[in-house]
Amino acid sequence: MPIYDTKQLKSFLKGKDITHKMVAKQTGFAQPTVTNYINGHRKISAAFANALCKIFPEINKDFLLSYEGELLQNNSSPSETSMVYLIPTAAWGGVLSDYSPQILERDCKKIENPCVGAELAIQVYGESMAPSYPPGAIIFVKKVNQEMFIEWGRVYLLDTRNGSVLKRVAPSQSEDSIICESLNPKYSPFTVAKDDIFGMYKVLGTLILE
């Protein structure tokens, strides 16, 4: 029987298809210890709470230590607004990771960010992801650790050796690559080697310009 109520934590990890083994690998804790923490058989330590919150900034550390309140923190209020850099459309042909803080500040304008947690915005180029992401739409993204987990069937912005692509991702038969799918049926799926991916950005929201 669990001693501590970790239903929210277990539901959160299950929703992202994250195993105890994956959490152990990323936090540096032994897998049996992680399992005891997640299943509520052992009180979560401050060190583990800190490590987990580094991977998932949206998690409320106070919940992990007290088991009270909500697991996910809400850092926004209706009166608050934040700004993010809008990467130029030219970035689709280049590498997003080349955009250092200095380049962002010099070459990119800031726009209002309607999505909690978004780190960058970029304007959609091409029709392969229409109608959900039509040409000219602005997507708000957050970089994720693709070695930790990938939510299959979700749309990501991939920063690759051959440029940036916005695609729905699916597992490949090979562990060394992923399948990129377009929402527009006119475009065929293709595979990308994981070694050619410099970064993956989860799409948190879309602004469709009329």
N, C-alpha and C. Protein backbone atom coordinates (compact mmCIF):
# COMPACT_ATOMS: atom_id res chain seq x y z
N MET A 1 0.84 -1.20 0.00
CA MET A 1 0.00 0.00 0.00
C MET A 1 0.87 1.25 0.00
N PRO A 2 0.53 2.24 -0.86
CA PRO A 2 1.29 3.49 -0.88
C PRO A 2 1.13 4.25 0.43
N ILE A 3 2.22 4.86 0.87
CA ILE A 3 2.19 5.68 2.08
C ILE A 3 1.87 7.13 1.72
N TYR A 4 2.35 7.57 0.56
CA TYR A 4 2.19 8.95 0.12
C TYR A 4 1.35 8.99 -1.17
N ASP A 5 0.55 10.05 -1.30
CA ASP A 5 -0.35 10.19 -2.45
C ASP A 5 0.41 10.76 -3.65
N THR A 6 0.75 9.89 -4.59
CA THR A 6 1.49 10.32 -5.78
C THR A 6 0.68 10.11 -7.06
N LYS A 7 -0.65 10.08 -6.92
CA LYS A 7 -1.49 9.84 -8.11
C LYS A 7 -1.23 10.86 -9.21
N GLN A 8 -1.09 12.14 -8.84
CA GLN A 8 -0.87 13.18 -9.85
C GLN A 8 0.46 12.97 -10.58
N LEU A 9 1.48 12.61 -9.83
CA LEU A 9 2.79 12.40 -10.43
C LEU A 9 2.77 11.20 -11.37
N LYS A 10 2.14 10.11 -10.94
CA LYS A 10 2.07 8.92 -11.78
C LYS A 10 1.27 9.19 -13.05
N SER A 11 0.18 9.95 -12.92
CA SER A 11 -0.64 10.29 -14.08
C SER A 11 0.13 11.18 -15.05
N PHE A 12 0.90 12.11 -14.50
CA PHE A 12 1.70 13.02 -15.33
C PHE A 12 2.72 12.25 -16.15
N LEU A 13 3.45 11.35 -15.52
CA LEU A 13 4.48 10.58 -16.21
C LEU A 13 3.86 9.60 -17.21
N LYS A 14 2.75 8.98 -16.83
CA LYS A 14 2.08 8.05 -17.73
C LYS A 14 1.59 8.76 -18.98
N GLY A 15 1.09 9.98 -18.82
CA GLY A 15 0.59 10.75 -19.95
C GLY A 15 1.67 11.11 -20.95
N LYS A 16 2.91 11.11 -20.49
CA LYS A 16 4.04 11.42 -21.36
C LYS A 16 4.81 10.16 -21.77
N ASP A 17 4.28 9.00 -21.41
CA ASP A 17 4.93 7.71 -21.72
C ASP A 17 6.35 7.65 -21.17
N ILE A 18 6.52 8.15 -19.95
CA ILE A 18 7.83 8.17 -19.31
C ILE A 18 7.90 7.04 -18.28
N THR A 19 8.88 6.18 -18.42
CA THR A 19 9.05 5.05 -17.51
C THR A 19 9.94 5.43 -16.33
N HIS A 20 9.89 4.59 -15.30
CA HIS A 20 10.75 4.81 -14.14
C HIS A 20 12.22 4.73 -14.55
N LYS A 21 12.52 3.85 -15.49
CA LYS A 21 13.90 3.71 -15.97
C LYS A 21 14.39 5.01 -16.61
N MET A 22 13.52 5.67 -17.38
CA MET A 22 13.89 6.92 -18.03
C MET A 22 14.14 8.01 -16.99
N VAL A 23 13.27 8.07 -15.98
CA VAL A 23 13.45 9.06 -14.92
C VAL A 23 14.76 8.81 -14.18
N ALA A 24 15.04 7.54 -13.90
CA ALA A 24 16.27 7.20 -13.19
C ALA A 24 17.50 7.63 -13.98
N LYS A 25 17.47 7.40 -15.29
CA LYS A 25 18.60 7.75 -16.14
C LYS A 25 18.84 9.25 -16.14
N GLN A 26 17.78 10.05 -16.21
CA GLN A 26 17.93 11.50 -16.31
C GLN A 26 18.22 12.16 -14.98
N THR A 27 17.75 11.57 -13.88
CA THR A 27 17.97 12.19 -12.56
C THR A 27 19.22 11.68 -11.87
N GLY A 28 19.72 10.50 -12.30
CA GLY A 28 20.90 9.94 -11.66
C GLY A 28 20.60 9.12 -10.42
N PHE A 29 19.32 8.88 -10.14
CA PHE A 29 18.94 8.07 -8.99
C PHE A 29 18.75 6.61 -9.42
N ALA A 30 18.96 5.70 -8.51
CA ALA A 30 18.78 4.28 -8.81
C ALA A 30 17.31 4.02 -9.13
N GLN A 31 17.08 3.10 -10.07
CA GLN A 31 15.71 2.85 -10.49
C GLN A 31 14.81 2.36 -9.35
N PRO A 32 15.26 1.46 -8.46
CA PRO A 32 14.37 1.06 -7.34
C PRO A 32 13.98 2.24 -6.45
N THR A 33 14.91 3.17 -6.26
CA THR A 33 14.61 4.36 -5.46
C THR A 33 13.56 5.22 -6.15
N VAL A 34 13.73 5.41 -7.47
CA VAL A 34 12.76 6.19 -8.24
C VAL A 34 11.39 5.54 -8.18
N THR A 35 11.34 4.23 -8.32
CA THR A 35 10.06 3.51 -8.26
C THR A 35 9.38 3.70 -6.92
N ASN A 36 10.15 3.65 -5.84
CA ASN A 36 9.57 3.86 -4.51
C ASN A 36 9.03 5.27 -4.34
N TYR A 37 9.76 6.25 -4.90
CA TYR A 37 9.28 7.64 -4.84
C TYR A 37 7.97 7.80 -5.62
N ILE A 38 7.96 7.32 -6.84
CA ILE A 38 6.80 7.52 -7.73
C ILE A 38 5.58 6.75 -7.25
N ASN A 39 5.81 5.57 -6.70
CA ASN A 39 4.68 4.75 -6.23
C ASN A 39 4.22 5.11 -4.83
N GLY A 40 4.90 6.09 -4.20
CA GLY A 40 4.45 6.55 -2.89
C GLY A 40 4.86 5.68 -1.74
N HIS A 41 5.85 4.81 -1.94
CA HIS A 41 6.31 3.94 -0.86
C HIS A 41 7.42 4.58 -0.04
N ARG A 42 7.94 5.66 -0.54
CA ARG A 42 9.03 6.35 0.16
C ARG A 42 8.88 7.85 -0.06
N LYS A 43 9.13 8.63 0.97
CA LYS A 43 8.98 10.09 0.86
C LYS A 43 10.03 10.65 -0.10
N ILE A 44 9.57 11.49 -1.02
CA ILE A 44 10.47 12.09 -2.01
C ILE A 44 11.47 13.01 -1.32
N SER A 45 12.75 12.82 -1.66
CA SER A 45 13.79 13.65 -1.07
C SER A 45 13.88 14.99 -1.79
N ALA A 46 14.48 15.96 -1.12
CA ALA A 46 14.65 17.28 -1.74
C ALA A 46 15.55 17.19 -2.96
N ALA A 47 16.56 16.31 -2.90
CA ALA A 47 17.48 16.16 -4.03
C ALA A 47 16.76 15.62 -5.25
N PHE A 48 15.88 14.63 -5.04
CA PHE A 48 15.13 14.07 -6.17
C PHE A 48 14.13 15.09 -6.71
N ALA A 49 13.49 15.83 -5.83
CA ALA A 49 12.54 16.87 -6.25
C ALA A 49 13.24 17.91 -7.11
N ASN A 50 14.43 18.33 -6.69
CA ASN A 50 15.20 19.31 -7.47
C ASN A 50 15.56 18.75 -8.84
N ALA A 51 15.99 17.49 -8.88
CA ALA A 51 16.39 16.87 -10.14
C ALA A 51 15.20 16.73 -11.08
N LEU A 52 14.04 16.36 -10.55
CA LEU A 52 12.85 16.18 -11.39
C LEU A 52 12.36 17.52 -11.93
N CYS A 53 12.46 18.56 -11.11
CA CYS A 53 11.99 19.88 -11.55
C CYS A 53 12.92 20.50 -12.59
N LYS A 54 14.17 20.07 -12.63
CA LYS A 54 15.07 20.54 -13.67
C LYS A 54 14.65 19.97 -15.03
N ILE A 55 14.14 18.74 -15.01
CA ILE A 55 13.68 18.10 -16.25
C ILE A 55 12.31 18.63 -16.65
N PHE A 56 11.45 18.83 -15.66
CA PHE A 56 10.09 19.31 -15.90
C PHE A 56 9.86 20.58 -15.08
N PRO A 57 10.20 21.74 -15.65
CA PRO A 57 10.06 22.99 -14.91
C PRO A 57 8.62 23.30 -14.51
N GLU A 58 7.66 22.68 -15.21
CA GLU A 58 6.26 22.95 -14.90
C GLU A 58 5.78 22.29 -13.61
N ILE A 59 6.60 21.38 -13.07
CA ILE A 59 6.22 20.68 -11.84
C ILE A 59 6.45 21.58 -10.63
N ASN A 60 5.50 21.53 -9.71
CA ASN A 60 5.55 22.31 -8.48
C ASN A 60 6.36 21.54 -7.43
N LYS A 61 7.54 22.04 -7.11
CA LYS A 61 8.41 21.32 -6.17
C LYS A 61 7.77 21.21 -4.79
N ASP A 62 7.00 22.20 -4.40
CA ASP A 62 6.34 22.15 -3.09
C ASP A 62 5.40 20.95 -3.00
N PHE A 63 4.75 20.62 -4.12
CA PHE A 63 3.87 19.45 -4.11
C PHE A 63 4.68 18.18 -3.87
N LEU A 64 5.83 18.07 -4.55
CA LEU A 64 6.65 16.87 -4.41
C LEU A 64 7.09 16.66 -2.97
N LEU A 65 7.30 17.75 -2.25
CA LEU A 65 7.81 17.65 -0.88
C LEU A 65 6.71 17.55 0.17
N SER A 66 5.51 18.01 -0.20
CA SER A 66 4.43 18.02 0.80
C SER A 66 3.23 17.16 0.42
N TYR A 67 3.12 16.81 -0.90
CA TYR A 67 1.98 16.04 -1.42
C TYR A 67 0.67 16.80 -1.25
N GLU A 68 0.76 18.12 -1.21
CA GLU A 68 -0.44 18.96 -1.07
C GLU A 68 -0.53 19.92 -2.25
N GLY A 69 -1.77 20.22 -2.66
CA GLY A 69 -1.97 21.16 -3.76
C GLY A 69 -1.94 20.46 -5.11
N GLU A 70 -1.45 21.19 -6.11
CA GLU A 70 -1.42 20.68 -7.48
C GLU A 70 0.01 20.38 -7.92
N LEU A 71 0.15 19.32 -8.71
CA LEU A 71 1.47 18.94 -9.20
C LEU A 71 2.04 19.99 -10.15
N LEU A 72 1.18 20.50 -11.05
CA LEU A 72 1.65 21.45 -12.05
C LEU A 72 1.43 22.86 -11.55
N GLN A 73 2.48 23.66 -11.63
CA GLN A 73 2.37 25.03 -11.18
C GLN A 73 1.86 25.92 -12.30
N ASN A 74 1.17 26.95 -11.93
CA ASN A 74 0.66 27.92 -12.89
C ASN A 74 1.34 29.24 -12.62
N ASN A 75 2.26 29.59 -13.51
CA ASN A 75 3.05 30.81 -13.31
C ASN A 75 2.44 32.03 -13.98
N SER A 76 1.24 31.87 -14.51
CA SER A 76 0.66 33.00 -15.24
C SER A 76 -0.63 33.46 -14.58
N SER A 77 -0.99 34.70 -14.87
CA SER A 77 -2.27 35.25 -14.45
C SER A 77 -2.79 36.07 -15.60
N PRO A 78 -4.11 36.33 -15.65
CA PRO A 78 -4.67 37.08 -16.78
C PRO A 78 -3.99 38.42 -17.01
N SER A 79 -3.44 39.03 -15.98
CA SER A 79 -2.85 40.36 -16.14
C SER A 79 -1.40 40.31 -16.60
N GLU A 80 -0.81 39.09 -16.56
CA GLU A 80 0.59 38.98 -16.90
C GLU A 80 0.77 38.70 -18.39
N THR A 81 1.78 39.31 -19.00
CA THR A 81 2.14 39.00 -20.37
C THR A 81 3.63 38.78 -20.42
N SER A 82 4.06 37.92 -21.33
CA SER A 82 5.48 37.69 -21.52
C SER A 82 5.79 37.83 -23.00
N MET A 83 7.05 37.99 -23.29
CA MET A 83 7.48 38.18 -24.66
C MET A 83 8.48 37.08 -25.03
N VAL A 84 8.44 36.66 -26.30
CA VAL A 84 9.41 35.69 -26.80
C VAL A 84 9.97 36.20 -28.12
N TYR A 85 11.14 35.71 -28.47
CA TYR A 85 11.74 36.09 -29.75
C TYR A 85 11.03 35.37 -30.90
N LEU A 86 10.76 36.12 -31.96
CA LEU A 86 10.19 35.55 -33.19
C LEU A 86 11.34 35.28 -34.15
N ILE A 87 11.61 34.00 -34.37
CA ILE A 87 12.69 33.61 -35.27
C ILE A 87 12.26 33.90 -36.71
N PRO A 88 13.11 34.49 -37.53
CA PRO A 88 12.73 34.80 -38.92
C PRO A 88 12.46 33.54 -39.74
N THR A 89 11.62 33.68 -40.76
CA THR A 89 11.27 32.54 -41.61
C THR A 89 12.50 31.90 -42.23
N ALA A 90 13.55 32.66 -42.42
CA ALA A 90 14.78 32.13 -43.01
C ALA A 90 15.37 30.99 -42.19
N ALA A 91 14.98 30.88 -40.93
CA ALA A 91 15.52 29.83 -40.07
C ALA A 91 15.13 28.44 -40.55
N TRP A 92 14.07 28.34 -41.35
CA TRP A 92 13.65 27.02 -41.82
C TRP A 92 14.74 26.37 -42.66
N GLY A 93 15.57 27.16 -43.31
CA GLY A 93 16.62 26.60 -44.14
C GLY A 93 17.94 26.48 -43.41
N GLY A 94 17.97 26.88 -42.13
CA GLY A 94 19.19 26.84 -41.36
C GLY A 94 19.05 25.98 -40.13
N VAL A 95 19.85 26.28 -39.13
CA VAL A 95 19.86 25.50 -37.90
C VAL A 95 19.47 26.40 -36.74
N LEU A 96 18.40 26.03 -36.03
CA LEU A 96 17.90 26.88 -34.95
C LEU A 96 18.93 27.04 -33.84
N SER A 97 19.72 26.00 -33.59
CA SER A 97 20.69 26.08 -32.51
C SER A 97 21.79 27.08 -32.79
N ASP A 98 21.86 27.57 -34.03
CA ASP A 98 22.82 28.62 -34.35
C ASP A 98 22.40 29.97 -33.79
N TYR A 99 21.12 30.05 -33.35
CA TYR A 99 20.60 31.33 -32.84
C TYR A 99 20.98 31.48 -31.37
N SER A 100 22.16 32.02 -31.15
CA SER A 100 22.65 32.28 -29.80
C SER A 100 21.87 33.45 -29.21
N PRO A 101 21.94 33.64 -27.88
CA PRO A 101 21.25 34.79 -27.27
C PRO A 101 21.64 36.12 -27.92
N GLN A 102 22.91 36.22 -28.35
CA GLN A 102 23.36 37.46 -28.97
C GLN A 102 22.67 37.68 -30.32
N ILE A 103 22.54 36.60 -31.11
CA ILE A 103 21.87 36.71 -32.41
C ILE A 103 20.39 37.00 -32.23
N LEU A 104 19.77 36.35 -31.25
CA LEU A 104 18.36 36.59 -30.98
C LEU A 104 18.12 38.06 -30.67
N GLU A 105 18.95 38.61 -29.82
CA GLU A 105 18.78 40.00 -29.39
C GLU A 105 19.01 40.97 -30.54
N ARG A 106 19.97 40.62 -31.42
CA ARG A 106 20.33 41.53 -32.51
C ARG A 106 19.39 41.43 -33.71
N ASP A 107 18.98 40.21 -34.06
CA ASP A 107 18.28 39.99 -35.33
C ASP A 107 16.80 39.66 -35.21
N CYS A 108 16.30 39.41 -34.02
CA CYS A 108 14.92 38.95 -33.88
C CYS A 108 14.10 39.91 -33.04
N LYS A 109 12.90 40.16 -33.48
CA LYS A 109 12.01 41.00 -32.69
C LYS A 109 11.27 40.15 -31.68
N LYS A 110 10.73 40.79 -30.67
CA LYS A 110 9.96 40.09 -29.65
C LYS A 110 8.47 40.30 -29.90
N ILE A 111 7.69 39.25 -29.63
CA ILE A 111 6.24 39.35 -29.74
C ILE A 111 5.60 38.83 -28.46
N GLU A 112 4.35 39.18 -28.25
CA GLU A 112 3.65 38.73 -27.04
C GLU A 112 3.45 37.23 -27.09
N ASN A 113 3.69 36.59 -25.96
CA ASN A 113 3.61 35.14 -25.85
C ASN A 113 2.33 34.73 -25.11
N PRO A 114 1.39 34.07 -25.80
CA PRO A 114 0.15 33.66 -25.15
C PRO A 114 0.24 32.29 -24.48
N CYS A 115 1.38 31.62 -24.60
CA CYS A 115 1.51 30.23 -24.13
C CYS A 115 2.49 30.14 -22.96
N VAL A 116 2.02 29.65 -21.83
CA VAL A 116 2.87 29.47 -20.67
C VAL A 116 3.96 28.45 -21.00
N GLY A 117 5.20 28.83 -20.78
CA GLY A 117 6.30 27.91 -21.00
C GLY A 117 6.98 28.02 -22.34
N ALA A 118 6.38 28.72 -23.30
CA ALA A 118 6.99 28.85 -24.62
C ALA A 118 8.29 29.65 -24.53
N GLU A 119 9.27 29.23 -25.32
CA GLU A 119 10.58 29.88 -25.28
C GLU A 119 10.89 30.65 -26.56
N LEU A 120 10.30 30.23 -27.68
CA LEU A 120 10.55 30.86 -28.97
C LEU A 120 9.27 30.84 -29.79
N ALA A 121 9.24 31.68 -30.81
CA ALA A 121 8.14 31.65 -31.78
C ALA A 121 8.76 31.64 -33.17
N ILE A 122 8.10 31.00 -34.11
CA ILE A 122 8.60 30.96 -35.49
C ILE A 122 7.42 30.89 -36.43
N GLN A 123 7.54 31.55 -37.57
CA GLN A 123 6.45 31.60 -38.54
C GLN A 123 6.51 30.38 -39.46
N VAL A 124 5.36 29.76 -39.67
CA VAL A 124 5.28 28.54 -40.49
C VAL A 124 5.53 28.86 -41.95
N TYR A 125 6.29 27.97 -42.58
CA TYR A 125 6.62 28.13 -44.00
C TYR A 125 6.14 26.87 -44.73
N GLY A 126 5.44 27.03 -45.85
CA GLY A 126 4.99 25.89 -46.64
C GLY A 126 3.62 25.38 -46.22
N GLU A 127 3.08 24.44 -46.97
CA GLU A 127 1.71 23.96 -46.78
C GLU A 127 1.63 22.53 -46.28
N SER A 128 2.76 21.92 -45.94
CA SER A 128 2.74 20.50 -45.58
C SER A 128 1.98 20.21 -44.29
N MET A 129 1.83 21.22 -43.41
CA MET A 129 1.14 20.99 -42.14
C MET A 129 -0.22 21.67 -42.09
N ALA A 130 -0.70 22.15 -43.26
CA ALA A 130 -2.04 22.73 -43.34
C ALA A 130 -3.06 21.58 -43.24
N PRO A 131 -4.26 21.87 -42.72
CA PRO A 131 -4.79 23.18 -42.35
C PRO A 131 -4.51 23.60 -40.90
N SER A 132 -4.00 22.69 -40.07
CA SER A 132 -3.79 23.05 -38.67
C SER A 132 -2.72 24.11 -38.49
N TYR A 133 -1.69 24.06 -39.35
CA TYR A 133 -0.59 25.01 -39.29
C TYR A 133 -0.38 25.59 -40.68
N PRO A 134 -1.22 26.53 -41.09
CA PRO A 134 -1.14 27.07 -42.45
C PRO A 134 0.07 27.99 -42.63
N PRO A 135 0.47 28.26 -43.86
CA PRO A 135 1.58 29.17 -44.11
C PRO A 135 1.32 30.53 -43.47
N GLY A 136 2.32 31.07 -42.81
CA GLY A 136 2.18 32.37 -42.17
C GLY A 136 1.77 32.31 -40.71
N ALA A 137 1.25 31.15 -40.26
CA ALA A 137 0.88 31.01 -38.85
C ALA A 137 2.14 31.08 -37.99
N ILE A 138 1.97 31.50 -36.76
CA ILE A 138 3.10 31.57 -35.83
C ILE A 138 2.93 30.48 -34.77
N ILE A 139 3.96 29.66 -34.60
CA ILE A 139 3.91 28.62 -33.58
C ILE A 139 4.80 29.03 -32.41
N PHE A 140 4.37 28.66 -31.21
CA PHE A 140 5.11 28.95 -29.99
C PHE A 140 5.63 27.62 -29.45
N VAL A 141 6.94 27.54 -29.25
CA VAL A 141 7.55 26.25 -28.95
C VAL A 141 8.42 26.29 -27.70
N LYS A 142 8.66 25.09 -27.17
CA LYS A 142 9.52 24.92 -26.00
C LYS A 142 10.44 23.74 -26.27
N LYS A 143 11.72 23.92 -26.06
CA LYS A 143 12.67 22.84 -26.31
C LYS A 143 12.51 21.74 -25.28
N VAL A 144 12.58 20.47 -25.75
CA VAL A 144 12.45 19.32 -24.87
C VAL A 144 13.70 18.46 -24.98
N ASN A 145 13.85 17.59 -24.03
CA ASN A 145 14.97 16.64 -24.04
C ASN A 145 14.52 15.39 -24.79
N GLN A 146 14.89 15.26 -26.06
CA GLN A 146 14.42 14.14 -26.86
C GLN A 146 15.03 12.81 -26.44
N GLU A 147 16.12 12.87 -25.66
CA GLU A 147 16.69 11.63 -25.16
C GLU A 147 15.88 11.11 -23.97
N MET A 148 15.13 12.00 -23.34
CA MET A 148 14.32 11.60 -22.20
C MET A 148 13.02 10.95 -22.66
N PHE A 149 12.32 11.62 -23.53
CA PHE A 149 11.07 11.06 -24.04
C PHE A 149 10.61 11.84 -25.26
N ILE A 150 9.83 11.16 -26.09
CA ILE A 150 9.17 11.79 -27.24
C ILE A 150 7.71 11.35 -27.20
N GLU A 151 6.81 12.30 -27.29
CA GLU A 151 5.38 11.98 -27.31
C GLU A 151 4.98 11.67 -28.75
N TRP A 152 4.94 10.40 -29.09
CA TRP A 152 4.61 10.00 -30.46
C TRP A 152 3.21 10.46 -30.83
N GLY A 153 3.07 10.89 -32.07
CA GLY A 153 1.78 11.39 -32.54
C GLY A 153 1.58 12.86 -32.30
N ARG A 154 2.56 13.51 -31.68
CA ARG A 154 2.47 14.94 -31.40
C ARG A 154 3.31 15.70 -32.42
N VAL A 155 2.94 16.97 -32.64
CA VAL A 155 3.67 17.81 -33.59
C VAL A 155 4.84 18.50 -32.89
N TYR A 156 6.01 18.39 -33.51
CA TYR A 156 7.23 19.02 -33.00
C TYR A 156 7.89 19.85 -34.10
N LEU A 157 8.64 20.83 -33.69
CA LEU A 157 9.56 21.52 -34.58
C LEU A 157 10.92 20.87 -34.38
N LEU A 158 11.46 20.29 -35.44
CA LEU A 158 12.74 19.60 -35.36
C LEU A 158 13.84 20.47 -35.95
N ASP A 159 14.88 20.66 -35.17
CA ASP A 159 16.06 21.40 -35.61
C ASP A 159 17.06 20.37 -36.12
N THR A 160 17.20 20.24 -37.45
CA THR A 160 18.00 19.17 -38.03
C THR A 160 19.19 19.71 -38.82
N ARG A 161 20.04 18.79 -39.20
CA ARG A 161 21.23 19.14 -39.97
C ARG A 161 20.87 19.80 -41.29
N ASN A 162 19.68 19.46 -41.83
CA ASN A 162 19.24 19.97 -43.12
C ASN A 162 18.23 21.11 -43.01
N GLY A 163 18.10 21.67 -41.81
CA GLY A 163 17.16 22.77 -41.62
C GLY A 163 16.06 22.39 -40.65
N SER A 164 15.13 23.28 -40.44
CA SER A 164 14.05 23.07 -39.48
C SER A 164 12.82 22.53 -40.18
N VAL A 165 12.16 21.55 -39.52
CA VAL A 165 10.94 20.97 -40.08
C VAL A 165 9.88 20.88 -38.99
N LEU A 166 8.66 21.18 -39.36
CA LEU A 166 7.51 21.06 -38.47
C LEU A 166 6.75 19.82 -38.87
N LYS A 167 6.72 18.80 -38.03
CA LYS A 167 6.11 17.53 -38.40
C LYS A 167 5.50 16.83 -37.19
N ARG A 168 4.56 15.95 -37.49
CA ARG A 168 4.07 15.01 -36.48
C ARG A 168 5.04 13.84 -36.47
N VAL A 169 5.46 13.40 -35.29
CA VAL A 169 6.50 12.38 -35.23
C VAL A 169 5.91 11.02 -34.84
N ALA A 170 6.52 9.97 -35.38
CA ALA A 170 6.10 8.61 -35.12
C ALA A 170 7.35 7.74 -34.99
N PRO A 171 7.25 6.63 -34.25
CA PRO A 171 8.42 5.77 -34.09
C PRO A 171 8.75 5.05 -35.39
N SER A 172 10.04 4.86 -35.61
CA SER A 172 10.51 4.13 -36.78
C SER A 172 10.85 2.70 -36.37
N GLN A 173 10.98 1.81 -37.37
CA GLN A 173 11.40 0.44 -37.06
C GLN A 173 12.82 0.41 -36.53
N SER A 174 13.60 1.43 -36.88
CA SER A 174 14.96 1.55 -36.38
C SER A 174 14.99 2.48 -35.18
N GLU A 175 15.72 2.11 -34.15
CA GLU A 175 15.84 2.96 -32.96
C GLU A 175 16.68 4.20 -33.22
N ASP A 176 17.36 4.21 -34.35
CA ASP A 176 18.27 5.31 -34.67
C ASP A 176 17.61 6.42 -35.48
N SER A 177 16.32 6.32 -35.76
CA SER A 177 15.64 7.33 -36.57
C SER A 177 14.20 7.47 -36.13
N ILE A 178 13.54 8.55 -36.59
CA ILE A 178 12.12 8.74 -36.34
C ILE A 178 11.44 9.07 -37.67
N ILE A 179 10.14 8.85 -37.70
CA ILE A 179 9.36 9.14 -38.90
C ILE A 179 8.70 10.50 -38.73
N CYS A 180 8.81 11.32 -39.77
CA CYS A 180 8.19 12.65 -39.79
C CYS A 180 7.00 12.62 -40.74
N GLU A 181 5.82 12.98 -40.23
CA GLU A 181 4.60 12.92 -41.02
C GLU A 181 4.00 14.31 -41.18
N SER A 182 3.50 14.58 -42.37
CA SER A 182 2.80 15.84 -42.65
C SER A 182 1.32 15.65 -42.38
N LEU A 183 0.62 16.73 -42.03
CA LEU A 183 -0.83 16.67 -41.86
C LEU A 183 -1.53 16.78 -43.21
N ASN A 184 -0.88 17.42 -44.16
CA ASN A 184 -1.41 17.53 -45.51
C ASN A 184 -1.11 16.22 -46.25
N PRO A 185 -2.15 15.49 -46.67
CA PRO A 185 -1.93 14.17 -47.30
C PRO A 185 -1.16 14.23 -48.62
N LYS A 186 -0.97 15.40 -49.17
CA LYS A 186 -0.21 15.51 -50.43
C LYS A 186 1.28 15.26 -50.22
N TYR A 187 1.72 15.31 -48.96
CA TYR A 187 3.14 15.18 -48.66
C TYR A 187 3.41 13.83 -48.00
N SER A 188 4.41 13.13 -48.48
CA SER A 188 4.74 11.79 -47.99
C SER A 188 5.60 11.88 -46.73
N PRO A 189 5.48 10.89 -45.85
CA PRO A 189 6.33 10.86 -44.66
C PRO A 189 7.78 10.53 -45.03
N PHE A 190 8.69 10.87 -44.14
CA PHE A 190 10.10 10.56 -44.36
C PHE A 190 10.76 10.31 -43.01
N THR A 191 11.93 9.73 -43.04
CA THR A 191 12.64 9.44 -41.79
C THR A 191 13.81 10.41 -41.61
N VAL A 192 14.12 10.67 -40.35
CA VAL A 192 15.26 11.52 -39.99
C VAL A 192 16.09 10.76 -38.97
N ALA A 193 17.38 10.67 -39.21
CA ALA A 193 18.28 10.01 -38.26
C ALA A 193 18.38 10.84 -36.99
N LYS A 194 18.34 10.18 -35.84
CA LYS A 194 18.41 10.90 -34.57
C LYS A 194 19.72 11.69 -34.44
N ASP A 195 20.78 11.18 -35.04
CA ASP A 195 22.06 11.88 -34.98
C ASP A 195 22.03 13.20 -35.75
N ASP A 196 21.05 13.34 -36.66
CA ASP A 196 20.92 14.56 -37.45
C ASP A 196 19.99 15.58 -36.80
N ILE A 197 19.47 15.26 -35.63
CA ILE A 197 18.56 16.16 -34.92
C ILE A 197 19.33 16.87 -33.81
N PHE A 198 19.42 18.19 -33.91
CA PHE A 198 20.13 18.99 -32.91
C PHE A 198 19.21 19.37 -31.75
N GLY A 199 17.92 19.39 -31.99
CA GLY A 199 16.98 19.76 -30.95
C GLY A 199 15.55 19.52 -31.39
N MET A 200 14.67 19.25 -30.42
CA MET A 200 13.24 19.09 -30.70
C MET A 200 12.47 20.07 -29.83
N TYR A 201 11.51 20.73 -30.45
CA TYR A 201 10.70 21.75 -29.77
C TYR A 201 9.23 21.36 -29.82
N LYS A 202 8.64 21.25 -28.65
CA LYS A 202 7.22 20.92 -28.57
C LYS A 202 6.39 22.16 -28.91
N VAL A 203 5.38 21.98 -29.75
CA VAL A 203 4.50 23.10 -30.11
C VAL A 203 3.46 23.27 -29.01
N LEU A 204 3.47 24.43 -28.36
CA LEU A 204 2.54 24.70 -27.26
C LEU A 204 1.31 25.48 -27.71
N GLY A 205 1.42 26.17 -28.83
CA GLY A 205 0.28 26.96 -29.30
C GLY A 205 0.53 27.51 -30.69
N THR A 206 -0.54 27.97 -31.30
CA THR A 206 -0.47 28.48 -32.66
C THR A 206 -1.29 29.75 -32.78
N LEU A 207 -0.74 30.72 -33.48
CA LEU A 207 -1.45 31.96 -33.78
C LEU A 207 -1.64 32.01 -35.29
N ILE A 208 -2.88 31.88 -35.75
CA ILE A 208 -3.17 31.89 -37.17
C ILE A 208 -3.56 33.32 -37.56
N LEU A 209 -2.77 33.90 -38.43
CA LEU A 209 -3.00 35.28 -38.86
C LEU A 209 -4.02 35.32 -39.97
N GLU A 210 -5.01 36.17 -39.80
CA GLU A 210 -6.05 36.30 -40.84
C GLU A 210 -5.54 37.14 -42.01
